[in-house]
């Protein structure tokens, strides 16, 4: 029986287990948590509008599925092995790396030491606790106005209207990379709801008490970092060829060029798309097709181009925005309802 080791129980790793749960393949999934966690909802957990329990889904069960809970400290492709922090060594015939990402601080002094994060469940819990401890009128600074920063700022406004929320955006208008319609709508939403947006920002350092933007210091009681990500360190340390963002370059079949039995999916993979849970699931499906052909001794399939359905974002619980069918911009209640429906479906089919 083939020994498949999957590192990471996020969207990609979860899909791999779902696809193989009834197959004659020995699958071992390694994750720090004993359940799949909905990373796309961490912003709401941190803001206090969702509970910890709301972002958990049980891993699938299967006769040949095994779960190992621990922290990966080393991957050794030369010996087909994975080393965990507790001293465990796992051997594989094929390996799928789906370990996700961590914050990238761009060498900005104080950013790592003095900011909170929503990259992991543990970090999101800490952020929630810190927010809960703030006094009325306290200032929360969010550095980074991508999807995570925008959703966090809007959800936090809904959760704690007594706080002063400030969002630092490097662009001329929030989410300007999506569409003019979406960007204008979200920018105006923040203005109407008294969330201060600092456009064209250039954060140069962070302290425990303020955020330095260019020549001006902005007082801050709590600062949250959402200004970029990179693959986790254990993946960066592999030394595989990577793109400018540190993501591993792959063949058309999603494996590392020099190791045909090492596949990479999700936030660690270099692909012509922005990382997302949706992308990780599509990639996982294609890797399953490749592995099945490989194990059956067949020619590897020609994989179709991945077609994403779009992107949906929240502005609190009753407003939102999105891009669907590749280019159609949506704003208002409809995209928020669509996002809720996608989340409900994701939970129900697991």
Protein backbone atom coordinates (compact mmCIF):
# COMPACT_ATOMS: atom_id res chain seq x y z
CA UNK A 1 0.00 0.00 0.00
CA UNK A 2 1.33 3.44 -0.96
CA UNK A 3 2.40 5.66 1.93
CA UNK A 4 1.22 9.24 1.38
CA UNK A 5 2.14 11.90 3.94
CA UNK A 6 0.24 15.19 3.87
CA UNK A 7 1.66 18.14 5.80
CA UNK A 8 -1.04 20.59 6.81
CA UNK A 9 -4.76 20.23 7.42
CA UNK A 10 -5.89 23.45 5.73
CA UNK A 11 -8.13 23.65 2.67
CA UNK A 12 -5.75 21.70 0.43
CA UNK A 13 -4.80 19.04 2.96
CA UNK A 14 -8.44 18.57 3.95
CA UNK A 15 -9.44 18.02 0.31
CA UNK A 16 -6.70 15.40 -0.12
CA UNK A 17 -8.04 13.44 2.86
CA UNK A 18 -11.62 13.68 1.57
CA UNK A 19 -10.60 12.32 -1.82
CA UNK A 20 -8.58 9.40 -0.41
CA UNK A 21 -10.71 8.43 2.61
CA UNK A 22 -12.22 5.39 0.83
CA UNK A 23 -9.14 4.44 -1.22
CA UNK A 24 -6.52 1.76 -0.63
CA UNK A 25 -3.88 4.34 0.21
CA UNK A 26 -2.24 4.83 3.59
CA UNK A 27 -2.61 8.55 4.21
CA UNK A 28 -1.00 10.25 7.21
CA UNK A 29 -1.95 13.89 7.74
CA UNK A 30 0.22 15.98 10.04
CA UNK A 31 -1.18 19.12 11.64
CA UNK A 32 -0.78 21.01 14.89
CA UNK A 33 -4.56 21.06 15.41
CA UNK A 34 -6.94 18.07 15.80
CA UNK A 35 -9.41 19.60 13.34
CA UNK A 36 -9.62 21.60 10.12
CA UNK A 37 -9.86 25.33 10.83
CA UNK A 38 -11.53 27.87 8.55
CA UNK A 39 -8.71 30.34 8.07
CA UNK A 40 -10.88 32.62 5.96
CA UNK A 41 -12.93 33.31 9.11
CA UNK A 42 -10.06 34.10 11.48
CA UNK A 43 -10.74 37.81 11.08
CA UNK A 44 -14.19 37.31 12.68
CA UNK A 45 -12.74 35.19 15.46
CA UNK A 46 -10.22 37.92 16.24
CA UNK A 47 -12.92 40.60 16.12
CA UNK A 48 -15.08 38.63 18.56
CA UNK A 49 -18.07 38.02 16.26
CA UNK A 50 -17.42 34.28 15.89
CA UNK A 51 -16.50 31.77 18.55
CA UNK A 52 -13.60 29.36 18.37
CA UNK A 53 -16.06 26.53 17.80
CA UNK A 54 -17.53 28.26 14.73
CA UNK A 55 -14.28 27.93 12.78
CA UNK A 56 -13.64 24.22 13.37
CA UNK A 57 -14.54 21.24 11.18
CA UNK A 58 -13.71 17.62 12.06
CA UNK A 59 -11.25 15.85 9.81
CA UNK A 60 -12.79 13.06 7.67
CA UNK A 61 -12.67 9.48 8.86
CA UNK A 62 -11.44 6.59 6.78
CA UNK A 63 -10.00 3.10 7.27
CA UNK A 64 -6.59 4.13 5.98
CA UNK A 65 -6.52 7.73 7.23
CA UNK A 66 -4.15 8.45 10.11
CA UNK A 67 -3.70 11.77 11.89
CA UNK A 68 -0.50 12.84 13.61
CA UNK A 69 -0.64 16.02 15.64
CA UNK A 70 2.61 17.91 15.91
CA UNK A 71 4.91 20.58 14.53
CA UNK A 72 7.00 19.88 11.42
CA UNK A 73 10.60 20.99 11.98
CA UNK A 74 12.38 19.44 8.98
CA UNK A 75 11.56 17.90 5.61
CA UNK A 76 14.22 15.61 4.11
CA UNK A 77 13.46 14.81 0.45
CA UNK A 78 16.75 12.92 0.10
CA UNK A 79 15.59 10.29 2.61
CA UNK A 80 11.84 10.61 1.97
CA UNK A 81 11.25 11.58 5.57
CA UNK A 82 9.62 14.26 7.73
CA UNK A 83 10.78 15.17 11.23
CA UNK A 84 8.46 16.44 13.96
CA UNK A 85 9.30 18.49 17.02
CA UNK A 86 8.60 15.57 19.37
CA UNK A 87 11.28 13.46 17.65
CA UNK A 88 8.92 11.46 15.43
CA UNK A 89 10.21 10.63 11.95
CA UNK A 90 7.70 9.79 9.24
CA UNK A 91 8.64 8.10 5.94
CA UNK A 92 6.71 8.45 2.71
CA UNK A 93 6.45 7.25 -0.86
CA UNK A 94 4.86 10.55 -1.83
CA UNK A 95 4.67 13.81 0.08
CA UNK A 96 2.23 16.72 -0.17
CA UNK A 97 3.38 19.96 1.44
CA UNK A 98 0.41 22.13 2.37
CA UNK A 99 1.74 23.92 5.44
CA UNK A 100 0.44 27.36 4.62
CA UNK A 101 2.01 30.73 5.31
CA UNK A 102 3.10 33.11 8.02
CA UNK A 103 3.32 36.88 8.28
CA UNK A 104 5.99 38.67 6.26
CA UNK A 105 7.27 41.77 8.04
CA UNK A 106 9.40 43.21 5.20
CA UNK A 107 12.27 43.92 7.63
CA UNK A 108 10.25 46.73 9.24
CA UNK A 109 11.65 47.32 12.76
CA UNK A 110 9.27 46.43 15.55
CA UNK A 111 6.66 44.87 13.26
CA UNK A 112 7.16 41.32 14.51
CA UNK A 113 7.69 42.30 18.14
CA UNK A 114 4.84 44.77 18.60
CA UNK A 115 1.99 43.57 16.38
CA UNK A 116 -0.69 40.91 16.63
CA UNK A 117 -1.63 38.47 13.88
CA UNK A 118 -4.53 36.49 12.43
CA UNK A 119 -2.44 33.99 10.45
CA UNK A 120 -3.10 31.00 12.73
CA UNK A 121 -5.90 29.96 15.04
CA UNK A 122 -3.65 30.39 18.06
CA UNK A 123 -2.60 33.88 16.99
CA UNK A 124 -6.20 34.86 16.23
CA UNK A 125 -7.22 33.80 19.74
CA UNK A 126 -4.48 35.96 21.23
CA UNK A 127 -5.59 38.88 19.10
CA UNK A 128 -9.19 38.44 20.24
CA UNK A 129 -8.14 38.41 23.88
CA UNK A 130 -6.06 41.55 23.42
CA UNK A 131 -8.96 43.35 21.72
CA UNK A 132 -11.35 42.29 24.48
CA UNK A 133 -9.02 43.90 27.01
CA UNK A 134 -9.05 47.32 25.35
CA UNK A 135 -10.77 50.21 27.07
CA UNK A 136 -13.46 52.28 25.27
CA UNK A 137 -11.87 54.83 22.97
CA UNK A 138 -8.71 52.80 22.46
CA UNK A 139 -7.03 52.95 19.03
CA UNK A 140 -6.57 49.78 16.95
CA UNK A 141 -4.22 50.07 13.98
CA UNK A 142 -4.39 47.52 11.17
CA UNK A 143 -1.36 47.56 8.88
CA UNK A 144 -2.26 46.17 5.47
CA UNK A 145 -5.49 46.74 3.54
CA UNK A 146 -5.77 43.59 1.51
CA UNK A 147 -8.74 41.27 1.95
CA UNK A 148 -7.77 40.26 5.51
CA UNK A 149 -7.20 43.81 6.68
CA UNK A 150 -10.42 45.11 5.14
CA UNK A 151 -12.55 42.29 6.59
CA UNK A 152 -10.93 42.63 10.01
CA UNK A 153 -11.41 46.41 10.12
CA UNK A 154 -15.08 46.22 9.16
CA UNK A 155 -15.85 43.31 11.48
CA UNK A 156 -14.08 44.97 14.38
CA UNK A 157 -16.09 48.15 13.80
CA UNK A 158 -19.25 46.07 14.04
CA UNK A 159 -18.05 44.26 17.15
CA UNK A 160 -16.56 47.23 19.05
CA UNK A 161 -18.05 50.53 17.93
CA UNK A 162 -16.41 52.15 20.94
CA UNK A 163 -12.94 51.68 19.43
CA UNK A 164 -11.09 53.97 17.04
CA UNK A 165 -10.01 51.87 14.06
CA UNK A 166 -7.29 52.95 11.68
CA UNK A 167 -6.35 51.06 8.50
CA UNK A 168 -3.00 51.64 6.77
CA UNK A 169 -3.20 51.04 3.01
CA UNK A 170 -0.21 51.25 0.66
CA UNK A 171 -2.45 51.90 -2.34
CA UNK A 172 -4.29 55.02 -3.42
CA UNK A 173 -7.60 53.35 -2.50
CA UNK A 174 -8.39 50.15 -0.62
CA UNK A 175 -8.55 46.99 -2.77
CA UNK A 176 -7.60 49.00 -5.85
CA UNK A 177 -6.26 45.77 -7.40
CA UNK A 178 -9.79 44.36 -7.70
CA UNK A 179 -11.89 46.93 -9.57
CA UNK A 180 -12.73 50.62 -9.41
CA UNK A 181 -16.30 49.79 -8.40
CA UNK A 182 -15.29 47.59 -5.47
CA UNK A 183 -12.49 49.91 -4.38
CA UNK A 184 -14.71 52.98 -4.35
CA UNK A 185 -17.51 51.15 -2.54
CA UNK A 186 -15.26 49.84 0.23
CA UNK A 187 -13.41 53.14 0.64
CA UNK A 188 -16.72 54.98 1.01
CA UNK A 189 -18.03 52.31 3.40
CA UNK A 190 -15.12 53.00 5.73
CA UNK A 191 -15.66 56.76 5.52
CA UNK A 192 -19.37 56.36 6.36
CA UNK A 193 -18.58 54.11 9.32
CA UNK A 194 -15.79 56.28 10.77
CA UNK A 195 -12.97 53.84 10.07
CA UNK A 196 -9.93 55.97 9.27
CA UNK A 197 -8.03 54.85 6.17
CA UNK A 198 -4.48 56.09 5.61
CA UNK A 199 -3.96 55.65 1.87
CA UNK A 200 -0.52 55.69 0.21
CA UNK A 201 0.94 54.73 3.56
CA UNK A 202 4.58 53.86 4.13
CA UNK A 203 5.00 52.25 7.54
CA UNK A 204 8.67 52.45 8.52
CA UNK A 205 8.61 51.06 12.06
CA UNK A 206 6.27 50.01 14.85
CA UNK A 207 6.52 50.43 18.61
CA UNK A 208 4.32 49.30 21.47
CA UNK A 209 2.60 52.69 21.41
CA UNK A 210 2.51 53.87 17.80
CA UNK A 211 2.88 53.21 14.10
CA UNK A 212 5.37 55.36 12.25
CA UNK A 213 4.03 56.22 8.80
CA UNK A 214 6.55 58.27 6.86
CA UNK A 215 7.35 61.27 9.03
CA UNK A 216 4.27 60.99 11.23
CA UNK A 217 3.71 58.82 14.30
CA UNK A 218 0.17 57.54 14.82
CA UNK A 219 -0.63 56.55 18.43
CA UNK A 220 -1.90 52.99 18.72
CA UNK A 221 -3.03 50.94 21.71
CA UNK A 222 -2.97 47.72 19.68
CA UNK A 223 -1.56 47.04 16.21
CA UNK A 224 -2.51 44.09 13.98
CA UNK A 225 -0.34 43.05 11.02
CA UNK A 226 -2.03 41.97 7.76
CA UNK A 227 0.59 43.34 5.35
CA UNK A 228 1.88 40.32 3.52
CA UNK A 229 2.65 36.62 3.87
CA UNK A 230 5.34 34.10 3.01
CA UNK A 231 5.62 30.28 3.18
CA UNK A 232 6.37 28.94 6.65
CA UNK A 233 10.06 28.75 7.57
CA UNK A 234 10.42 24.97 7.31
CA UNK A 235 9.39 25.24 3.65
CA UNK A 236 11.64 28.22 2.94
CA UNK A 237 14.54 26.27 4.44
CA UNK A 238 14.19 23.48 1.86
CA UNK A 239 16.19 25.49 -0.62
CA UNK A 240 13.98 24.68 -3.60
CA UNK A 241 13.78 27.24 -6.39
CA UNK A 242 11.22 29.85 -5.39
CA UNK A 243 9.61 32.99 -6.77
CA UNK A 244 10.13 36.49 -5.36
CA UNK A 245 7.54 35.77 -2.67
CA UNK A 246 9.36 32.66 -1.48
CA UNK A 247 6.79 30.26 -2.97
CA UNK A 248 8.15 27.07 -4.52
CA UNK A 249 8.23 26.78 -8.29
CA UNK A 250 6.60 23.60 -9.59
CA UNK A 251 6.10 21.54 -12.73
CA UNK A 252 2.77 21.46 -14.53
CA UNK A 253 1.86 18.47 -12.33
CA UNK A 254 2.44 20.42 -9.08
CA UNK A 255 5.58 18.61 -7.96
CA UNK A 256 9.06 19.97 -7.33
CA UNK A 257 11.16 19.59 -10.52
CA UNK A 258 13.97 17.67 -8.83
CA UNK A 259 11.67 15.50 -6.68
CA UNK A 260 8.77 13.87 -8.55
CA UNK A 261 7.30 12.54 -5.30
CA UNK A 262 7.17 15.92 -3.52
CA UNK A 263 4.05 17.99 -4.29
CA UNK A 264 3.30 21.48 -3.01
CA UNK A 265 -0.17 23.00 -2.78
CA UNK A 266 -1.71 26.12 -1.31
CA UNK A 267 0.14 29.14 0.04
CA UNK A 268 3.57 27.53 -0.41
CA UNK A 269 3.13 26.99 -4.18
CA UNK A 270 4.14 29.46 -6.88
CA UNK A 271 1.08 29.85 -9.10
CA UNK A 272 -0.28 32.64 -11.34
CA UNK A 273 -3.07 33.35 -8.85
CA UNK A 274 -3.37 34.97 -5.46
CA UNK A 275 -3.32 32.32 -2.71
CA UNK A 276 -6.77 31.27 -1.48
CA UNK A 277 -8.60 28.31 0.02
CA UNK A 278 -10.45 27.85 -3.26
CA UNK A 279 -7.18 27.64 -5.18
CA UNK A 280 -5.72 25.12 -2.70
CA UNK A 281 -8.74 22.84 -3.15
CA UNK A 282 -8.51 22.98 -6.94
CA UNK A 283 -4.82 22.20 -6.77
CA UNK A 284 -5.45 19.30 -4.37
CA UNK A 285 -7.96 17.76 -6.78
CA UNK A 286 -5.40 17.88 -9.57
CA UNK A 287 -2.68 16.36 -7.39
CA UNK A 288 -5.02 13.46 -6.55
CA UNK A 289 -5.54 12.84 -10.28
CA UNK A 290 -1.78 12.89 -10.85
CA UNK A 291 -1.08 10.49 -7.97
CA UNK A 292 -3.74 8.02 -9.06
CA UNK A 293 -2.33 7.93 -12.60
CA UNK A 294 1.20 7.57 -11.26
CA UNK A 295 0.30 4.71 -8.93
CA UNK A 296 -1.62 2.93 -11.70
CA UNK A 297 1.41 3.14 -13.97
CA UNK A 298 -0.40 5.39 -16.44
CA UNK A 299 0.81 8.48 -18.25
CA UNK A 300 0.35 11.57 -16.14
CA UNK A 301 -2.76 13.49 -17.22
CA UNK A 302 -2.67 16.84 -18.95
CA UNK A 303 -4.15 19.09 -16.32
CA UNK A 304 -6.70 21.72 -17.30
CA UNK A 305 -6.18 25.35 -16.42
CA UNK A 306 -7.49 26.12 -12.96
CA UNK A 307 -10.56 28.33 -13.21
CA UNK A 308 -11.47 30.15 -10.02
CA UNK A 309 -15.06 31.18 -9.35
CA UNK A 310 -14.09 34.57 -7.98
CA UNK A 311 -13.55 36.27 -4.65
CA UNK A 312 -16.00 37.37 -1.96
CA UNK A 313 -15.38 39.63 0.99
CA UNK A 314 -17.30 40.89 4.02
CA UNK A 315 -18.00 44.33 5.40
CA UNK A 316 -19.52 43.20 8.67
CA UNK A 317 -22.41 40.76 8.76
CA UNK A 318 -24.74 42.46 6.26
CA UNK A 319 -22.56 44.09 3.61
CA UNK A 320 -19.87 42.91 1.28
CA UNK A 321 -18.12 42.94 -2.08
CA UNK A 322 -16.75 40.54 -4.61
CA UNK A 323 -15.56 39.67 -8.09
CA UNK A 324 -17.37 36.74 -9.75
CA UNK A 325 -17.10 35.04 -13.13
CA UNK A 326 -13.64 36.51 -13.48
CA UNK A 327 -14.63 40.17 -13.85
CA UNK A 328 -18.15 41.02 -12.61
CA UNK A 329 -17.97 43.30 -9.58
CA UNK A 330 -20.61 42.96 -6.84
CA UNK A 331 -21.22 45.20 -3.84
CA UNK A 332 -23.79 45.32 -1.04
CA UNK A 333 -25.89 42.57 0.50
CA UNK A 334 -25.72 40.07 -2.39
CA UNK A 335 -22.00 39.25 -2.16
CA UNK A 336 -22.31 39.02 1.65
CA UNK A 337 -25.13 36.49 1.28
CA UNK A 338 -23.13 34.60 -1.32
CA UNK A 339 -20.17 34.38 1.02
CA UNK A 340 -22.38 33.09 3.82
CA UNK A 341 -23.75 30.47 1.45
CA UNK A 342 -20.27 29.34 0.39
CA UNK A 343 -19.23 29.03 4.03
CA UNK A 344 -22.40 27.08 4.92
CA UNK A 345 -21.82 24.70 2.02
CA UNK A 346 -18.20 24.18 2.97
CA UNK A 347 -19.21 23.20 6.50
CA UNK A 348 -22.08 20.95 5.44
CA UNK A 349 -20.22 18.84 2.89
CA UNK A 350 -17.39 18.00 5.28
